[in-house]
């Protein structure tokens, strides 16, 4: 098979490309077609462990992971061959075909893209050969003229796949028609000719008030507005890479207040999105008052644990974390959060930030982390041992989790009997002390049985979420428009 490609481009970051691509994956799959997602390069610290070359584990952006599931396909590294994981404002770790590449990480950007595109192109071609429909997600905007010469995520991918392109704008931000017109004018001329329709995303209000703007835009560009997609809150998909939601949280007034401490280098925040559907009041915050009011506190993963430890202590936010644990209220620490709760972060090779050193953790748990060059990637089923206190409902429960981390953590000498392994058969992956549960495993709250045990409510199944997204685009696009994109 050589797949017909449908590509979702955006006028800006955050225009809803990931959401729309996921919905299209499910919509085309529901037509009985073999569908695969693709994004040549993603920049995000939200990642999932999937199948890599030779069956070894690799990592891809979370958006392509969920798009694959929506398409009914097994997620794998070719779907997102290049993943950039920001470590600082001016530095990102390069993951190529699921594996970290230090040589590419240190290479200047304009030189690096020439080394990345051949691998991305090969992955694109291989997926097209195996599918009937390839749903491609662009990145940022195709009108970034300062990057045009090296833009393989939008321009080269669109041309190589001969993709029928949709250009989406977030109308809730305002200025959507100017965004569409300007982007169309500045983008590559060949890709401009492949744009088959505009999409006004996240619309609220009376659609009749849009006239005559869509008609005038078509007169100026020759491109019709194919869909006005309504604002669809609480759709069940996590945000791709931003801090999700608002600090105000969600949930009923009497719901348990779960606060995720969104440190500057927090990663995989998307894994906590299912808590919203479980009825809790979920907030992501750096506000000391919000942290102190939390019933349950979560320390998420971190792409730069040492820097986050220093930031917590410099801002004084280590105080509310320690006070929460000392008060016996439930605290979950995941991956980098586990490392932060320990007493010591030992980085003799400077693997985090480039400078060797030892950094003090928060000292909530008597643990020491030693950073080593090999990055640990794994996905497996695990089972809790006997847990205590607030976590007791999870005792002996089996669940699936994944590891993405540098570092090996061990109890410190004289840790004492209060610190207990949390997992049966994997004592190095988690500990409990009082109401503090620390795990190297991501994905705990993505398990419906975990949410049922802790909060008495399951979120909607992912299949229902994907079908809901497909229903939205089915209603937003004119009959025949989406199948029409598959015709030359």
Protein backbone atom coordinates (compact mmCIF):
# COMPACT_ATOMS: atom_id res chain seq x y z
CA UNK A 1 0.00 0.00 0.00
CA UNK A 2 1.04 3.61 -0.55
CA UNK A 3 -1.02 5.69 1.82
CA UNK A 4 -2.80 8.85 0.89
CA UNK A 5 -1.63 11.50 3.36
CA UNK A 6 -3.73 14.08 5.17
CA UNK A 7 -1.67 16.69 6.99
CA UNK A 8 -2.75 19.03 9.77
CA UNK A 9 -0.82 22.30 9.71
CA UNK A 10 -1.35 25.12 12.18
CA UNK A 11 -1.06 28.88 12.07
CA UNK A 12 0.53 28.79 15.52
CA UNK A 13 1.61 26.42 18.21
CA UNK A 14 -1.41 25.46 20.28
CA UNK A 15 -3.83 25.75 17.37
CA UNK A 16 -5.15 22.25 18.10
CA UNK A 17 -3.12 20.25 15.59
CA UNK A 18 -2.59 17.26 17.91
CA UNK A 19 -6.25 17.14 18.88
CA UNK A 20 -7.42 17.36 15.27
CA UNK A 21 -4.90 14.78 14.03
CA UNK A 22 -6.02 12.34 16.74
CA UNK A 23 -9.66 12.85 15.78
CA UNK A 24 -8.84 12.26 12.10
CA UNK A 25 -6.94 9.07 12.94
CA UNK A 26 -10.03 7.66 14.59
CA UNK A 27 -12.42 9.00 11.91
CA UNK A 28 -10.52 7.36 9.04
CA UNK A 29 -10.04 4.16 11.04
CA UNK A 30 -13.82 4.02 11.50
CA UNK A 31 -14.17 3.98 7.72
CA UNK A 32 -12.36 0.64 7.73
CA UNK A 33 -9.04 2.07 6.52
CA UNK A 34 -5.55 1.16 7.74
CA UNK A 35 -4.33 4.38 9.38
CA UNK A 36 -0.96 5.45 10.78
CA UNK A 37 0.04 8.77 12.42
CA UNK A 38 3.30 10.61 11.72
CA UNK A 39 5.11 13.67 12.98
CA UNK A 40 8.65 14.09 11.73
CA UNK A 41 9.78 16.00 14.80
CA UNK A 42 8.13 16.74 18.10
CA UNK A 43 9.36 19.08 20.83
CA UNK A 44 7.96 17.97 24.16
CA UNK A 45 8.90 16.54 27.53
CA UNK A 46 5.73 14.43 27.43
CA UNK A 47 6.79 11.05 26.09
CA UNK A 48 5.78 7.40 26.07
CA UNK A 49 7.81 4.19 25.82
CA UNK A 50 7.02 2.22 22.66
CA UNK A 51 8.54 -0.38 20.39
CA UNK A 52 11.80 0.69 18.78
CA UNK A 53 14.16 -0.78 16.19
CA UNK A 54 14.88 -4.45 16.74
CA UNK A 55 12.16 -4.71 19.36
CA UNK A 56 14.12 -2.58 21.84
CA UNK A 57 12.14 0.09 23.72
CA UNK A 58 12.25 3.66 22.50
CA UNK A 59 10.39 6.88 23.24
CA UNK A 60 8.10 9.12 21.20
CA UNK A 61 5.97 12.15 21.93
CA UNK A 62 2.74 11.44 23.78
CA UNK A 63 0.66 12.97 20.99
CA UNK A 64 1.74 10.36 18.46
CA UNK A 65 1.28 7.62 21.05
CA UNK A 66 -2.38 8.55 21.46
CA UNK A 67 -2.83 9.09 17.73
CA UNK A 68 -1.62 5.55 17.10
CA UNK A 69 -4.10 4.18 19.63
CA UNK A 70 -6.88 6.22 18.01
CA UNK A 71 -5.90 4.72 14.65
CA UNK A 72 -5.99 1.19 16.08
CA UNK A 73 -2.25 0.80 15.46
CA UNK A 74 0.61 -0.27 17.71
CA UNK A 75 2.60 2.85 18.69
CA UNK A 76 6.22 2.72 17.50
CA UNK A 77 9.17 5.04 16.98
CA UNK A 78 8.73 5.58 13.23
CA UNK A 79 5.59 7.55 14.01
CA UNK A 80 7.74 10.25 15.66
CA UNK A 81 11.32 9.63 14.49
CA UNK A 82 12.73 12.82 16.05
CA UNK A 83 11.84 13.94 19.57
CA UNK A 84 13.40 17.05 21.09
CA UNK A 85 13.17 17.14 24.90
CA UNK A 86 13.87 20.64 26.27
CA UNK A 87 16.39 20.73 29.10
CA UNK A 88 16.76 24.54 29.23
CA UNK A 89 15.63 27.58 27.25
CA UNK A 90 18.47 27.11 24.76
CA UNK A 91 19.13 23.36 24.88
CA UNK A 92 17.17 20.23 23.98
CA UNK A 93 18.08 16.56 24.12
CA UNK A 94 17.75 14.86 20.72
CA UNK A 95 16.03 11.48 20.59
CA UNK A 96 16.35 9.81 17.16
CA UNK A 97 14.27 6.72 16.43
CA UNK A 98 13.56 6.37 20.13
CA UNK A 99 17.12 6.68 21.43
CA UNK A 100 19.12 9.61 22.84
CA UNK A 101 21.82 10.92 20.50
CA UNK A 102 24.37 13.00 22.45
CA UNK A 103 26.28 13.83 19.25
CA UNK A 104 23.20 15.43 17.69
CA UNK A 105 22.22 17.12 20.94
CA UNK A 106 25.38 19.24 20.90
CA UNK A 107 25.18 20.05 17.17
CA UNK A 108 23.97 23.54 16.07
CA UNK A 109 20.33 23.53 14.97
CA UNK A 110 20.78 24.55 11.34
CA UNK A 111 23.39 21.86 10.83
CA UNK A 112 21.43 19.25 12.75
CA UNK A 113 18.31 19.25 10.61
CA UNK A 114 20.26 17.97 7.59
CA UNK A 115 21.24 14.91 9.65
CA UNK A 116 17.71 14.30 10.96
CA UNK A 117 15.61 14.60 7.80
CA UNK A 118 16.93 11.47 6.01
CA UNK A 119 15.89 9.30 8.96
CA UNK A 120 12.51 11.02 9.21
CA UNK A 121 11.97 10.65 5.45
CA UNK A 122 12.74 6.92 5.61
CA UNK A 123 10.23 6.50 8.46
CA UNK A 124 7.62 8.44 6.49
CA UNK A 125 8.11 6.26 3.43
CA UNK A 126 7.96 3.03 5.41
CA UNK A 127 4.70 4.00 7.10
CA UNK A 128 3.14 5.01 3.78
CA UNK A 129 3.98 1.60 2.38
CA UNK A 130 2.12 -0.12 5.24
CA UNK A 131 -1.06 1.96 5.41
CA UNK A 132 -3.95 3.33 3.40
CA UNK A 133 -4.10 6.67 5.21
CA UNK A 134 -1.26 8.57 6.85
CA UNK A 135 -2.34 11.38 9.18
CA UNK A 136 0.57 13.80 9.53
CA UNK A 137 0.85 16.46 12.19
CA UNK A 138 2.90 19.56 11.51
CA UNK A 139 4.76 21.61 14.10
CA UNK A 140 4.38 25.25 15.06
CA UNK A 141 3.66 27.07 11.82
CA UNK A 142 4.74 26.44 8.20
CA UNK A 143 5.24 30.21 7.85
CA UNK A 144 8.32 30.49 10.11
CA UNK A 145 10.34 32.05 7.31
CA UNK A 146 13.48 32.26 9.45
CA UNK A 147 13.48 28.45 9.57
CA UNK A 148 12.17 27.79 6.06
CA UNK A 149 15.43 26.39 4.69
CA UNK A 150 15.54 23.68 7.37
CA UNK A 151 11.83 23.04 7.92
CA UNK A 152 11.35 19.33 7.35
CA UNK A 153 8.55 18.93 9.89
CA UNK A 154 6.06 20.93 7.82
CA UNK A 155 7.33 21.73 4.33
CA UNK A 156 9.46 18.73 3.41
CA UNK A 157 7.07 16.27 5.05
CA UNK A 158 4.09 17.74 3.18
CA UNK A 159 5.89 17.60 -0.16
CA UNK A 160 7.38 14.14 0.34
CA UNK A 161 4.00 12.68 1.32
CA UNK A 162 2.08 14.59 -1.37
CA UNK A 163 -0.26 15.44 1.47
CA UNK A 164 -3.66 17.04 1.27
CA UNK A 165 -3.17 19.78 3.86
CA UNK A 166 -5.56 21.37 6.33
CA UNK A 167 -4.52 24.68 7.90
CA UNK A 168 -6.00 25.19 11.37
CA UNK A 169 -6.36 28.38 13.41
CA UNK A 170 -7.49 28.77 17.02
CA UNK A 171 -10.36 31.22 16.63
CA UNK A 172 -10.75 31.49 20.42
CA UNK A 173 -7.49 33.47 20.49
CA UNK A 174 -8.80 36.07 18.06
CA UNK A 175 -7.28 37.12 14.75
CA UNK A 176 -7.93 33.74 13.13
CA UNK A 177 -8.66 35.08 9.63
CA UNK A 178 -5.48 37.15 9.64
CA UNK A 179 -3.56 34.13 10.90
CA UNK A 180 -4.90 32.00 8.08
CA UNK A 181 -4.33 34.63 5.39
CA UNK A 182 -0.80 35.48 6.56
CA UNK A 183 0.27 31.89 7.02
CA UNK A 184 -1.07 30.95 3.59
CA UNK A 185 0.81 33.86 2.03
CA UNK A 186 4.16 33.15 3.70
CA UNK A 187 4.30 29.35 3.48
CA UNK A 188 6.23 27.43 0.82
CA UNK A 189 4.59 27.88 -2.58
CA UNK A 190 4.35 24.16 -3.31
CA UNK A 191 2.78 23.40 0.07
CA UNK A 192 0.44 26.35 -0.45
CA UNK A 193 -0.85 24.55 -3.51
CA UNK A 194 -1.50 21.45 -1.38
CA UNK A 195 -3.71 23.27 1.14
CA UNK A 196 -7.21 21.92 0.57
CA UNK A 197 -9.04 23.68 3.35
CA UNK A 198 -8.99 25.97 6.37
CA UNK A 199 -10.22 24.86 9.80
CA UNK A 200 -11.50 27.30 12.41
CA UNK A 201 -10.89 25.48 15.68
CA UNK A 202 -12.30 26.07 19.18
CA UNK A 203 -15.21 28.22 18.06
CA UNK A 204 -17.70 29.53 20.63
CA UNK A 205 -20.91 31.33 19.73
CA UNK A 206 -23.20 31.75 16.75
CA UNK A 207 -21.53 30.42 13.58
CA UNK A 208 -23.74 32.61 11.40
CA UNK A 209 -21.80 35.63 12.68
CA UNK A 210 -18.68 34.41 10.87
CA UNK A 211 -20.07 35.51 7.49
CA UNK A 212 -18.84 36.98 5.26
CA UNK A 213 -15.29 36.30 6.49
CA UNK A 214 -14.93 32.69 5.23
CA UNK A 215 -16.21 33.66 1.81
CA UNK A 216 -13.93 36.69 1.65
CA UNK A 217 -10.96 34.55 2.74
CA UNK A 218 -11.70 32.09 -0.04
CA UNK A 219 -11.83 34.94 -2.57
CA UNK A 220 -8.37 36.09 -1.41
CA UNK A 221 -6.72 32.65 -1.23
CA UNK A 222 -8.77 30.24 -3.30
CA UNK A 223 -9.05 27.98 -0.24
CA UNK A 224 -12.43 27.12 1.32
CA UNK A 225 -13.09 26.93 5.04
CA UNK A 226 -13.94 23.25 5.36
CA UNK A 227 -14.85 23.14 9.03
CA UNK A 228 -15.76 25.21 12.06
CA UNK A 229 -14.92 22.99 15.00
CA UNK A 230 -16.65 23.93 18.26
CA UNK A 231 -14.85 24.45 21.54
CA UNK A 232 -14.64 20.96 23.05
CA UNK A 233 -13.61 21.14 26.69
CA UNK A 234 -12.80 18.12 28.83
CA UNK A 235 -12.49 15.93 25.76
CA UNK A 236 -10.27 13.47 27.66
CA UNK A 237 -6.99 13.89 25.79
CA UNK A 238 -3.99 15.36 27.61
CA UNK A 239 -2.27 18.54 26.51
CA UNK A 240 0.70 17.88 24.24
CA UNK A 241 3.43 19.82 25.99
CA UNK A 242 2.13 22.81 27.97
CA UNK A 243 1.22 22.81 31.64
CA UNK A 244 -2.33 21.42 31.36
CA UNK A 245 -5.42 23.24 32.44
CA UNK A 246 -5.51 26.18 34.79
CA UNK A 247 -4.29 26.69 38.32
CA UNK A 248 -7.88 26.97 39.50
CA UNK A 249 -8.36 23.26 38.97
CA UNK A 250 -11.59 21.42 38.29
CA UNK A 251 -14.08 19.13 39.98
CA UNK A 252 -16.95 19.50 42.44
CA UNK A 253 -16.48 21.77 45.49
CA UNK A 254 -16.30 18.79 47.85
CA UNK A 255 -14.01 16.72 45.60
CA UNK A 256 -10.53 15.73 46.78
CA UNK A 257 -8.03 18.46 45.87
CA UNK A 258 -5.11 16.95 43.95
CA UNK A 259 -2.31 19.42 43.17
CA UNK A 260 0.55 18.63 40.80
CA UNK A 261 3.61 20.75 41.57
CA UNK A 262 4.56 22.02 38.10
CA UNK A 263 8.29 22.62 38.50
CA UNK A 264 10.12 24.43 35.66
CA UNK A 265 11.41 21.17 34.17
CA UNK A 266 8.37 19.01 34.91
CA UNK A 267 7.78 16.22 32.40
CA UNK A 268 4.94 13.87 31.51
CA UNK A 269 2.35 16.10 33.14
CA UNK A 270 -0.14 14.65 30.67
CA UNK A 271 -0.30 11.40 32.60
CA UNK A 272 -2.42 13.08 35.30
CA UNK A 273 -5.19 14.20 32.92
CA UNK A 274 -7.39 11.14 33.74
CA UNK A 275 -7.80 12.52 37.28
CA UNK A 276 -10.17 15.16 35.89
CA UNK A 277 -12.51 12.48 34.63
CA UNK A 278 -12.33 10.74 38.01
CA UNK A 279 -14.06 13.71 39.60
CA UNK A 280 -11.18 15.16 41.60
CA UNK A 281 -10.35 18.87 41.78
CA UNK A 282 -7.11 18.77 39.78
CA UNK A 283 -4.73 21.73 39.65
CA UNK A 284 -1.20 22.27 38.33
CA UNK A 285 0.44 24.96 40.40
CA UNK A 286 3.55 26.73 41.70
CA UNK A 287 1.60 28.70 44.28
CA UNK A 288 2.50 27.97 47.91
CA UNK A 289 -1.07 28.59 49.12
CA UNK A 290 -2.48 26.15 46.55
CA UNK A 291 0.10 23.54 47.56
CA UNK A 292 -0.70 23.96 51.25
CA UNK A 293 -4.44 23.49 50.55
CA UNK A 294 -3.93 20.21 48.68
CA UNK A 295 -5.48 17.03 50.00
CA UNK A 296 -3.21 14.99 47.72
CA UNK A 297 0.10 16.33 46.41
CA UNK A 298 1.97 15.04 43.35
CA UNK A 299 5.61 15.61 42.39
CA UNK A 300 5.80 14.69 38.69
CA UNK A 301 8.73 13.65 36.56
CA UNK A 302 11.49 16.11 35.75
CA UNK A 303 13.79 16.55 32.75
CA UNK A 304 16.37 18.28 34.98
CA UNK A 305 15.99 17.02 38.54
CA UNK A 306 18.96 18.87 40.01
CA UNK A 307 17.79 22.22 38.64
CA UNK A 308 14.26 21.60 39.93
CA UNK A 309 15.64 20.71 43.39
CA UNK A 310 17.55 23.99 43.49
CA UNK A 311 14.49 25.89 42.25
CA UNK A 312 12.26 24.39 44.94
CA UNK A 313 14.66 25.41 47.65
CA UNK A 314 15.28 28.89 46.18
CA UNK A 315 11.54 29.62 45.95
CA UNK A 316 10.72 28.12 49.34
CA UNK A 317 8.31 25.63 47.80
CA UNK A 318 10.23 22.81 49.42
CA UNK A 319 8.53 23.93 52.65
CA UNK A 320 4.94 23.10 51.63
CA UNK A 321 6.12 19.73 50.26
CA UNK A 322 7.84 18.82 53.52
CA UNK A 323 4.88 20.07 55.56
CA UNK A 324 2.44 18.03 53.48
CA UNK A 325 4.46 14.86 54.09
CA UNK A 326 4.95 15.63 57.77
CA UNK A 327 1.20 16.11 58.22
CA UNK A 328 0.59 12.59 56.91
CA UNK A 329 -1.36 13.70 53.86
CA UNK A 330 -1.02 11.56 50.70
CA UNK A 331 1.94 12.44 48.50
CA UNK A 332 2.86 10.73 45.23
CA UNK A 333 6.29 11.26 43.68
CA UNK A 334 6.90 9.96 40.14
CA UNK A 335 10.31 9.36 38.56
CA UNK A 336 12.14 12.69 38.89
CA UNK A 337 9.78 13.49 41.74
CA UNK A 338 11.04 10.38 43.52
CA UNK A 339 14.59 11.62 43.07
CA UNK A 340 13.63 15.08 44.38
CA UNK A 341 12.17 13.62 47.59
CA UNK A 342 15.46 11.89 48.39
CA UNK A 343 18.35 13.37 50.31
CA UNK A 344 21.04 13.39 47.61
CA UNK A 345 21.37 13.80 43.83
CA UNK A 346 24.87 12.72 42.83
CA UNK A 347 25.90 13.62 39.26
CA UNK A 348 29.66 13.07 38.94
CA UNK A 349 29.60 13.17 35.12
CA UNK A 350 27.45 16.27 34.76
CA UNK A 351 24.73 14.39 32.89
CA UNK A 352 22.13 16.95 34.00
CA UNK A 353 23.07 20.40 32.81
CA UNK A 354 26.65 19.61 31.90
CA UNK A 355 28.25 20.47 35.25
CA UNK A 356 29.31 17.67 37.62
CA UNK A 357 28.14 18.05 41.18
CA UNK A 358 26.07 16.91 44.12
CA UNK A 359 22.74 18.53 44.89
CA UNK A 360 20.70 18.16 48.05
CA UNK A 361 17.22 16.78 47.62
CA UNK A 362 14.27 17.63 49.84
CA UNK A 363 15.17 14.91 52.34
CA UNK A 364 11.61 13.64 52.75
CA UNK A 365 12.77 10.09 52.04
CA UNK A 366 16.16 8.57 52.96
CA UNK A 367 17.13 7.89 49.34
CA UNK A 368 20.18 8.75 47.24
CA UNK A 369 20.21 8.97 43.44
CA UNK A 370 23.34 8.41 41.37
CA UNK A 371 23.19 9.54 37.74
CA UNK A 372 24.65 7.19 35.14
CA UNK A 373 25.01 7.58 31.35
CA UNK A 374 22.56 4.87 30.30
CA UNK A 375 18.96 6.05 30.03
CA UNK A 376 16.45 3.53 31.33
CA UNK A 377 13.48 2.83 29.02
CA UNK A 378 11.05 0.06 29.86
CA UNK A 379 7.36 -0.79 29.85
CA UNK A 380 6.00 -3.68 31.92
CA UNK A 381 3.25 -4.84 34.24
CA UNK A 382 3.95 -4.60 37.94
CA UNK A 383 2.12 -5.41 41.15
CA UNK A 384 2.03 -3.46 44.37
CA UNK A 385 2.95 -5.15 47.60
CA UNK A 386 1.05 -4.49 50.79
CA UNK A 387 0.66 -0.71 51.13
CA UNK A 388 -0.39 1.38 54.10
CA UNK A 389 -2.58 4.35 54.90
CA UNK A 390 -4.12 6.28 52.03
CA UNK A 391 -2.44 3.96 49.52
CA UNK A 392 -3.74 0.75 51.10
CA UNK A 393 -6.54 0.36 48.49
CA UNK A 394 -3.80 -0.32 45.92
CA UNK A 395 -2.34 -3.24 47.84
CA UNK A 396 -1.52 -6.18 45.53
CA UNK A 397 -3.08 -4.40 42.54
CA UNK A 398 -1.49 -5.12 39.14
CA UNK A 399 -0.93 -2.22 36.74
CA UNK A 400 1.11 -1.24 33.69
CA UNK A 401 3.80 1.40 33.98
CA UNK A 402 6.75 2.73 32.04
CA UNK A 403 10.20 4.04 32.91
CA UNK A 404 12.01 6.97 31.24
CA UNK A 405 14.86 8.14 33.42
CA UNK A 406 18.50 8.63 34.12
CA UNK A 407 19.74 7.61 37.52
CA UNK A 408 19.67 4.74 39.98
CA UNK A 409 18.16 5.29 43.43
CA UNK A 410 19.00 3.35 46.58
CA UNK A 411 18.09 3.67 50.27
CA UNK A 412 20.73 5.45 52.32
CA UNK A 413 22.56 3.62 55.09
CA UNK A 414 20.45 3.57 58.22
CA UNK A 415 17.25 4.34 56.32
CA UNK A 416 15.24 2.43 58.91
CA UNK A 417 12.23 0.13 58.73
CA UNK A 418 9.72 2.91 57.97
CA UNK A 419 10.93 2.94 54.34
CA UNK A 420 9.42 -0.08 52.59
CA UNK A 421 9.54 -1.32 48.96
CA UNK A 422 6.22 -0.53 47.26
CA UNK A 423 6.31 -3.08 44.43
CA UNK A 424 6.39 -6.87 44.63
CA UNK A 425 9.46 -8.20 42.82
CA UNK A 426 10.86 -4.76 41.93
CA UNK A 427 12.17 -3.19 45.15
CA UNK A 428 14.36 -0.73 43.18
CA UNK A 429 11.40 0.95 41.47
CA UNK A 430 9.40 2.32 44.37
CA UNK A 431 9.12 2.92 48.10
CA UNK A 432 6.50 3.87 50.67
CA UNK A 433 7.05 5.69 53.93
CA UNK A 434 3.90 6.66 55.78
CA UNK A 435 1.55 8.29 53.28
CA UNK A 436 4.39 9.07 50.86
CA UNK A 437 4.48 6.81 47.80
CA UNK A 438 7.46 7.24 45.44
CA UNK A 439 7.62 5.36 42.13
CA UNK A 440 9.95 5.33 39.16
CA UNK A 441 6.97 4.21 37.08
CA UNK A 442 4.88 6.64 35.06
CA UNK A 443 1.24 6.05 34.21
CA UNK A 444 -0.30 5.13 37.56
CA UNK A 445 -3.34 7.40 37.15
CA UNK A 446 -3.86 6.22 33.59
CA UNK A 447 -5.04 2.90 35.02
CA UNK A 448 -8.85 2.95 35.53
CA UNK A 449 -8.63 0.40 38.33
CA UNK A 450 -6.25 2.69 40.27
CA UNK A 451 -8.64 5.63 40.07
CA UNK A 452 -11.54 3.37 41.04
CA UNK A 453 -9.64 2.12 44.10
CA UNK A 454 -8.50 5.56 45.27
CA UNK A 455 -11.38 7.85 44.28
CA UNK A 456 -14.30 5.52 43.59
CA UNK A 457 -14.72 6.50 39.95
CA UNK A 458 -13.33 5.40 36.59
CA UNK A 459 -12.71 7.82 33.72
CA UNK A 460 -14.24 7.10 30.30
CA UNK A 461 -12.36 4.43 28.37
CA UNK A 462 -9.88 5.75 25.80
CA UNK A 463 -11.89 4.13 23.03
CA UNK A 464 -14.88 6.24 24.01
CA UNK A 465 -12.68 9.36 24.11
CA UNK A 466 -11.38 8.69 20.59
CA UNK A 467 -14.87 8.02 19.28
CA UNK A 468 -16.03 11.29 20.83
CA UNK A 469 -13.31 13.19 18.98
CA UNK A 470 -14.23 11.52 15.70
CA UNK A 471 -17.89 12.43 16.25
CA UNK A 472 -16.93 16.10 16.66
CA UNK A 473 -15.03 16.28 13.35
CA UNK A 474 -17.69 14.22 11.61
CA UNK A 475 -20.24 16.88 12.53
CA UNK A 476 -17.92 19.84 11.81
CA UNK A 477 -16.85 18.87 8.27
CA UNK A 478 -19.32 18.87 5.38
CA UNK A 479 -20.43 15.39 4.26
CA UNK A 480 -17.84 13.89 1.95
CA UNK A 481 -15.13 16.48 2.75
CA UNK A 482 -12.86 14.17 4.75
CA UNK A 483 -13.04 11.34 2.23
CA UNK A 484 -12.52 13.95 -0.47
CA UNK A 485 -9.10 14.74 1.02
CA UNK A 486 -7.98 11.24 0.03
CA UNK A 487 -8.62 11.97 -3.66
CA UNK A 488 -5.89 13.69 -5.69
